Amino acid sequence: MDEREETTPQAIAPGSFLLARSSLEGSYFQDKIVLLLSYAPNDGAMGVVVNNGVRMPVTEVFPDVPKRHGTVRTFFLGGPVDEGRIQVVQFAKGGAEGDDSPARNRVDVADTDALVAALDQPDVHVFLGYSGWSPSQLEGEIAEGDWELFSANPLEVLLRGESLIGVKPEEFKRTFRGGTP
């Protein structure tokens, strides 16, 4: 089957992954894996890189968090857009069986107590920056062969946490081959 048949705009959906192909070598996205958080053909797409991160004290990112909570944690580098913007991502259990869709948590980063509580949860990931595409840009990049769409359970993937850092797209595919359709 032709790969392009699988990558029609209808196949692009929140919760799917974009795996960088060799044509992106030398760019920011070389070897990157992006979890799509939102997509609409007329609005474009937004996602976060899941295999790039850094460990640092929480207080370096959130200076208002009390020093007693100044633990070190992994912050994922979500992409080249607005790197100062913080994305707090948590998983919402949907109504349909097996629906583990990513949802940008509504944690107000100005609410220190809510933020500290969120940071302590294992299903919460904090991304600095994001990856974004204007309408039809992502479809064009997929058609050009820059990205491979891949289906895997986002909850299963992100529960791997910092062990995802540095994972190459081919290894990701082998690890999550039995992903959700």
C-alpha atoms as a PDB file:
ATOM      1  CA  MET A   1       0.000   0.000   0.000  1.00  0.00           C
ATOM      2  CA  ASP A   2       1.255   3.500  -0.817  1.00  0.00           C
ATOM      3  CA  GLU A   3       2.328   5.335   2.371  1.00  0.00           C
ATOM      4  CA  ARG A   4       0.560   8.470   1.218  1.00  0.00           C
ATOM      5  CA  GLU A   5      -2.775   6.694   1.329  1.00  0.00           C
ATOM      6  CA  GLU A   6      -2.342   6.427   5.099  1.00  0.00           C
ATOM      7  CA  THR A   7      -1.487  10.094   5.565  1.00  0.00           C
ATOM      8  CA  THR A   8      -4.551  11.847   4.233  1.00  0.00           C
ATOM      9  CA  PRO A   9      -5.762  14.812   6.293  1.00  0.00           C
ATOM     10  CA  GLN A  10      -8.497  12.590   7.759  1.00  0.00           C
ATOM     11  CA  ALA A  11      -5.791  10.408   9.379  1.00  0.00           C
ATOM     12  CA  ILE A  12      -4.217  13.375  11.182  1.00  0.00           C
ATOM     13  CA  ALA A  13      -5.789  13.612  14.633  1.00  0.00           C
ATOM     14  CA  PRO A  14      -5.042  14.715  18.187  1.00  0.00           C
ATOM     15  CA  GLY A  15      -3.344  11.870  20.020  1.00  0.00           C
ATOM     16  CA  SER A  16      -1.432  10.639  16.975  1.00  0.00           C
ATOM     17  CA  PHE A  17       2.327  10.935  16.635  1.00  0.00           C
ATOM     18  CA  LEU A  18       4.523  12.444  13.961  1.00  0.00           C
ATOM     19  CA  LEU A  19       7.849  10.702  13.436  1.00  0.00           C
ATOM     20  CA  ALA A  20      10.556  12.760  11.731  1.00  0.00           C
ATOM     21  CA  ARG A  21      11.985  11.234   8.575  1.00  0.00           C
ATOM     22  CA  SER A  22      15.489  11.615   7.175  1.00  0.00           C
ATOM     23  CA  SER A  23      14.461  14.623   5.047  1.00  0.00           C
ATOM     24  CA  LEU A  24      14.395  16.659   8.294  1.00  0.00           C
ATOM     25  CA  GLU A  25      18.061  15.907   9.030  1.00  0.00           C
ATOM     26  CA  GLY A  26      19.872  19.079  10.047  1.00  0.00           C
ATOM     27  CA  SER A  27      16.677  20.819  11.162  1.00  0.00           C
ATOM     28  CA  TYR A  28      15.250  21.339  14.647  1.00  0.00           C
ATOM     29  CA  PHE A  29      13.031  18.318  14.055  1.00  0.00           C
ATOM     30  CA  GLN A  30      15.790  15.816  13.203  1.00  0.00           C
ATOM     31  CA  ASP A  31      14.942  12.540  15.005  1.00  0.00           C
ATOM     32  CA  LYS A  32      12.009  14.162  16.825  1.00  0.00           C
ATOM     33  CA  ILE A  33       8.719  12.544  17.804  1.00  0.00           C
ATOM     34  CA  VAL A  34       5.735  14.883  18.135  1.00  0.00           C
ATOM     35  CA  LEU A  35       2.475  14.157  19.942  1.00  0.00           C
ATOM     36  CA  LEU A  36      -0.341  16.088  18.258  1.00  0.00           C
ATOM     37  CA  LEU A  37      -2.506  17.870  20.824  1.00  0.00           C
ATOM     38  CA  SER A  38      -4.817  19.635  18.401  1.00  0.00           C
ATOM     39  CA  TYR A  39      -5.610  19.546  14.701  1.00  0.00           C
ATOM     40  CA  ALA A  40      -8.216  21.081  12.441  1.00  0.00           C
ATOM     41  CA  PRO A  41      -7.730  21.408   8.663  1.00  0.00           C
ATOM     42  CA  ASN A  42      -8.733  25.090   8.731  1.00  0.00           C
ATOM     43  CA  ASP A  43      -6.785  25.953  11.887  1.00  0.00           C
ATOM     44  CA  GLY A  44      -3.573  23.938  11.563  1.00  0.00           C
ATOM     45  CA  ALA A  45      -1.941  21.697  14.132  1.00  0.00           C
ATOM     46  CA  MET A  46      -0.228  21.987  17.482  1.00  0.00           C
ATOM     47  CA  GLY A  47       1.858  19.386  19.252  1.00  0.00           C
ATOM     48  CA  VAL A  48       4.782  18.771  21.576  1.00  0.00           C
ATOM     49  CA  VAL A  49       8.054  16.910  21.104  1.00  0.00           C
ATOM     50  CA  VAL A  50       8.109  13.923  23.485  1.00  0.00           C
ATOM     51  CA  ASN A  51      11.704  12.748  23.052  1.00  0.00           C
ATOM     52  CA  ASN A  52      13.614  15.904  23.951  1.00  0.00           C
ATOM     53  CA  GLY A  53      13.961  17.132  27.514  1.00  0.00           C
ATOM     54  CA  VAL A  54      16.146  18.365  30.292  1.00  0.00           C
ATOM     55  CA  ARG A  55      16.270  17.829  34.059  1.00  0.00           C
ATOM     56  CA  MET A  56      16.322  21.005  36.123  1.00  0.00           C
ATOM     57  CA  PRO A  57      15.043  22.358  39.423  1.00  0.00           C
ATOM     58  CA  VAL A  58      11.342  23.173  39.368  1.00  0.00           C
ATOM     59  CA  THR A  59      12.130  26.614  40.780  1.00  0.00           C
ATOM     60  CA  GLU A  60      14.108  27.524  37.630  1.00  0.00           C
ATOM     61  CA  VAL A  61      10.940  27.226  35.555  1.00  0.00           C
ATOM     62  CA  PHE A  62       8.444  28.235  38.244  1.00  0.00           C
ATOM     63  CA  PRO A  63      10.205  30.714  40.583  1.00  0.00           C
ATOM     64  CA  ASP A  64       7.100  31.146  42.759  1.00  0.00           C
ATOM     65  CA  VAL A  65       7.022  27.475  43.769  1.00  0.00           C
ATOM     66  CA  PRO A  66       8.171  27.186  47.386  1.00  0.00           C
ATOM     67  CA  LYS A  67      11.820  26.168  47.792  1.00  0.00           C
ATOM     68  CA  ARG A  68      10.707  23.095  49.730  1.00  0.00           C
ATOM     69  CA  HIS A  69       9.333  21.857  46.422  1.00  0.00           C
ATOM     70  CA  GLY A  70      12.535  22.751  44.604  1.00  0.00           C
ATOM     71  CA  THR A  71      12.996  19.213  43.419  1.00  0.00           C
ATOM     72  CA  VAL A  72      14.551  18.399  40.093  1.00  0.00           C
ATOM     73  CA  ARG A  73      12.209  17.091  37.419  1.00  0.00           C
ATOM     74  CA  THR A  74      12.186  16.534  33.690  1.00  0.00           C
ATOM     75  CA  PHE A  75      10.876  19.331  31.523  1.00  0.00           C
ATOM     76  CA  PHE A  76      10.254  18.360  27.941  1.00  0.00           C
ATOM     77  CA  LEU A  77      11.309  20.764  25.195  1.00  0.00           C
ATOM     78  CA  GLY A  78       8.037  20.822  23.269  1.00  0.00           C
ATOM     79  CA  GLY A  79       9.216  22.617  20.173  1.00  0.00           C
ATOM     80  CA  PRO A  80      10.703  25.730  18.649  1.00  0.00           C
ATOM     81  CA  VAL A  81       7.590  27.908  18.951  1.00  0.00           C
ATOM     82  CA  ASP A  82       7.274  30.219  21.956  1.00  0.00           C
ATOM     83  CA  GLU A  83       9.834  28.340  24.059  1.00  0.00           C
ATOM     84  CA  GLY A  84       8.876  30.401  27.098  1.00  0.00           C
ATOM     85  CA  ARG A  85       5.281  29.173  26.906  1.00  0.00           C
ATOM     86  CA  ILE A  86       4.518  26.358  29.315  1.00  0.00           C
ATOM     87  CA  GLN A  87       2.262  23.482  28.299  1.00  0.00           C
ATOM     88  CA  VAL A  88       1.038  21.367  31.204  1.00  0.00           C
ATOM     89  CA  VAL A  89      -0.293  18.170  29.649  1.00  0.00           C
ATOM     90  CA  GLN A  90      -2.339  15.603  31.497  1.00  0.00           C
ATOM     91  CA  PHE A  91      -4.466  12.769  30.244  1.00  0.00           C
ATOM     92  CA  ALA A  92      -8.225  12.875  30.394  1.00  0.00           C
ATOM     93  CA  LYS A  93     -10.006   9.580  30.611  1.00  0.00           C
ATOM     94  CA  GLY A  94     -12.661   9.798  27.929  1.00  0.00           C
ATOM     95  CA  GLY A  95     -16.076   8.261  27.896  1.00  0.00           C
ATOM     96  CA  ALA A  96     -15.217   5.671  25.254  1.00  0.00           C
ATOM     97  CA  GLU A  97     -13.385   2.556  26.360  1.00  0.00           C
ATOM     98  CA  GLY A  98      -9.648   2.930  25.831  1.00  0.00           C
ATOM     99  CA  ASP A  99      -9.893   6.647  25.084  1.00  0.00           C
ATOM    100  CA  ASP A 100      -6.771   8.085  26.671  1.00  0.00           C
ATOM    101  CA  SER A 101      -6.646  11.396  24.872  1.00  0.00           C
ATOM    102  CA  PRO A 102      -4.152  14.108  25.626  1.00  0.00           C
ATOM    103  CA  ALA A 103      -5.659  17.222  27.078  1.00  0.00           C
ATOM    104  CA  ARG A 104      -3.893  20.408  27.942  1.00  0.00           C
ATOM    105  CA  ASN A 105      -4.600  20.559  31.628  1.00  0.00           C
ATOM    106  CA  ARG A 106      -6.196  23.765  32.777  1.00  0.00           C
ATOM    107  CA  VAL A 107      -3.719  24.155  35.628  1.00  0.00           C
ATOM    108  CA  ASP A 108      -3.132  27.866  36.069  1.00  0.00           C
ATOM    109  CA  VAL A 109       0.639  28.231  36.332  1.00  0.00           C
ATOM    110  CA  ALA A 110       0.042  31.370  38.433  1.00  0.00           C
ATOM    111  CA  ASP A 111      -1.808  29.261  41.045  1.00  0.00           C
ATOM    112  CA  THR A 112       1.169  27.896  42.992  1.00  0.00           C
ATOM    113  CA  ASP A 113      -0.827  25.363  45.040  1.00  0.00           C
ATOM    114  CA  ALA A 114      -2.530  23.892  41.959  1.00  0.00           C
ATOM    115  CA  LEU A 115       0.774  23.825  40.102  1.00  0.00           C
ATOM    116  CA  VAL A 116       2.607  22.022  42.916  1.00  0.00           C
ATOM    117  CA  ALA A 117      -0.224  19.475  43.136  1.00  0.00           C
ATOM    118  CA  ALA A 118      -0.108  18.928  39.355  1.00  0.00           C
ATOM    119  CA  LEU A 119       3.675  18.547  39.278  1.00  0.00           C
ATOM    120  CA  ASP A 120       3.443  15.690  41.774  1.00  0.00           C
ATOM    121  CA  GLN A 121       1.157  13.619  39.536  1.00  0.00           C
ATOM    122  CA  PRO A 122       2.847  10.952  37.380  1.00  0.00           C
ATOM    123  CA  ASP A 123       0.551  11.568  34.397  1.00  0.00           C
ATOM    124  CA  VAL A 124       1.463  15.268  34.165  1.00  0.00           C
ATOM    125  CA  HIS A 125       4.157  16.396  31.753  1.00  0.00           C
ATOM    126  CA  VAL A 126       5.459  19.926  31.476  1.00  0.00           C
ATOM    127  CA  PHE A 127       6.593  21.109  28.051  1.00  0.00           C
ATOM    128  CA  LEU A 128       8.505  24.300  27.352  1.00  0.00           C
ATOM    129  CA  GLY A 129       7.426  25.592  23.960  1.00  0.00           C
ATOM    130  CA  TYR A 130       5.461  23.742  21.329  1.00  0.00           C
ATOM    131  CA  SER A 131       5.421  22.719  17.679  1.00  0.00           C
ATOM    132  CA  GLY A 132       2.897  24.376  15.396  1.00  0.00           C
ATOM    133  CA  TRP A 133       1.739  24.252  11.791  1.00  0.00           C
ATOM    134  CA  SER A 134      -0.468  26.688   9.902  1.00  0.00           C
ATOM    135  CA  PRO A 135      -3.471  25.387   7.914  1.00  0.00           C
ATOM    136  CA  SER A 136      -2.307  22.864   5.241  1.00  0.00           C
ATOM    137  CA  GLN A 137       1.340  23.149   6.288  1.00  0.00           C
ATOM    138  CA  LEU A 138       1.423  19.802   8.084  1.00  0.00           C
ATOM    139  CA  GLU A 139      -0.465  18.061   5.266  1.00  0.00           C
ATOM    140  CA  GLY A 140       2.144  19.425   2.836  1.00  0.00           C
ATOM    141  CA  GLU A 141       5.054  18.253   4.990  1.00  0.00           C
ATOM    142  CA  ILE A 142       3.527  14.781   5.271  1.00  0.00           C
ATOM    143  CA  ALA A 143       2.931  14.639   1.500  1.00  0.00           C
ATOM    144  CA  GLU A 144       6.578  15.663   0.947  1.00  0.00           C
ATOM    145  CA  GLY A 145       7.670  12.739   3.143  1.00  0.00           C
ATOM    146  CA  ASP A 146       9.011  14.789   6.062  1.00  0.00           C
ATOM    147  CA  TRP A 147       6.780  13.092   8.654  1.00  0.00           C
ATOM    148  CA  GLU A 148       5.335   9.657   9.212  1.00  0.00           C
ATOM    149  CA  LEU A 149       2.028   9.467  11.042  1.00  0.00           C
ATOM    150  CA  PHE A 150       2.100   6.815  13.748  1.00  0.00           C
ATOM    151  CA  SER A 151      -0.612   5.583  16.057  1.00  0.00           C
ATOM    152  CA  ALA A 152       0.180   4.623  19.652  1.00  0.00           C
ATOM    153  CA  ASN A 153      -1.597   5.049  22.957  1.00  0.00           C
ATOM    154  CA  PRO A 154      -0.484   8.515  24.221  1.00  0.00           C
ATOM    155  CA  LEU A 155      -0.937   7.529  27.867  1.00  0.00           C
ATOM    156  CA  GLU A 156       1.254   4.444  27.433  1.00  0.00           C
ATOM    157  CA  VAL A 157       3.876   6.537  25.649  1.00  0.00           C
ATOM    158  CA  LEU A 158       4.027   9.427  28.110  1.00  0.00           C
ATOM    159  CA  LEU A 159       4.032   7.180  31.166  1.00  0.00           C
ATOM    160  CA  ARG A 160       7.539   6.248  29.982  1.00  0.00           C
ATOM    161  CA  GLY A 161       8.540   9.762  31.037  1.00  0.00           C
ATOM    162  CA  GLU A 162      12.157  10.716  30.722  1.00  0.00           C
ATOM    163  CA  SER A 163      13.101   7.318  29.284  1.00  0.00           C
ATOM    164  CA  LEU A 164      11.733   8.739  25.996  1.00  0.00           C
ATOM    165  CA  ILE A 165      14.475  11.364  25.834  1.00  0.00           C
ATOM    166  CA  GLY A 166      16.793  10.605  22.950  1.00  0.00           C
ATOM    167  CA  VAL A 167      14.673   7.760  21.553  1.00  0.00           C
ATOM    168  CA  LYS A 168      14.888   7.737  17.749  1.00  0.00           C
ATOM    169  CA  PRO A 169      11.756   7.354  15.591  1.00  0.00           C
ATOM    170  CA  GLU A 170      12.689   3.804  14.455  1.00  0.00           C
ATOM    171  CA  GLU A 171      13.136   2.625  18.054  1.00  0.00           C
ATOM    172  CA  PHE A 172       9.840   4.308  18.991  1.00  0.00           C
ATOM    173  CA  LYS A 173       8.088   2.378  16.200  1.00  0.00           C
ATOM    174  CA  ARG A 174       9.552  -0.929  17.389  1.00  0.00           C
ATOM    175  CA  THR A 175       8.589  -0.205  21.006  1.00  0.00           C
ATOM    176  CA  PHE A 176       5.020   0.899  20.281  1.00  0.00           C
ATOM    177  CA  ARG A 177       4.258  -1.213  17.203  1.00  0.00           C
ATOM    178  CA  GLY A 178       1.063  -2.510  18.777  1.00  0.00           C
ATOM    179  CA  GLY A 179      -0.368   1.015  19.067  1.00  0.00           C
ATOM    180  CA  THR A 180      -4.010   1.896  18.840  1.00  0.00           C
ATOM    181  CA  PRO A 181      -5.558   2.171  15.377  1.00  0.00           C
END
